[in-house]
């Protein structure tokens, strides 16, 4: 199976193609505004599917201008082969999954929950929604994976804020982020140690544009320095 993955940063887009578990292609481009992001997603899909999508796509919550013209500088020729094999699915990284705690095939209900959670992660979730909408008319199944899903195992003592119950009942709690990166780090650590991820007890640290710390016990997230939004961290 061939999977195309799209990872939305605040100013760029990273993409990769996986043949089963092996990465066969990868690249990144600058995409600092909505129009650039739409154009980037559409160009990546056109290059792999061999057919055109819409010339312009409505971004969630607002209408964007038509995508900017494709720039060869954004996608070096060696990153976009001329005759690629089409992917079987497109997988989008979504930072905040809200109540969604596992990967999900994108449908109306999933889109609604991602949109609802955008209030707590306005930059990254919004960009993911733009990418999803830009890709939806290409006829390829789309899947969302969530950074917050890694922390679905947080115990109540770690996920609960010292707030009135009425606020907690409305879903105000600690979620945790950087989950996909931590999941990868956990598996790589297990591989290096020659053991199963489920046997790992560790403190994991993510250092980048955003920074955070995780406590993992038995391969499961049990505490995090992040919370309801990605603004918490270190």
Foldseek 3Di string as FASTA:
>chain_A
DKEWEWEDDQFKIKIFIDDVPRTDAIDMFTHNDLLQLLVVLQVQQCLQLVDHDDQAFQQPPGRDDGHDDDDCVRPPDVRRDNHHHHGQEYEYEQADQQVDQAKDWDDPVSLVSLVVLCVQVVRRSSSSRSSCRSCVRVPHTYMYGYQLNLQPPADCVAFDDPDPVVVVVVPFTFRDGPNVVVLVVLCVVCVVVVHHSQCDFDWDWDDDPQIKIFTAHSNGTHHIQGGSHSVGHD
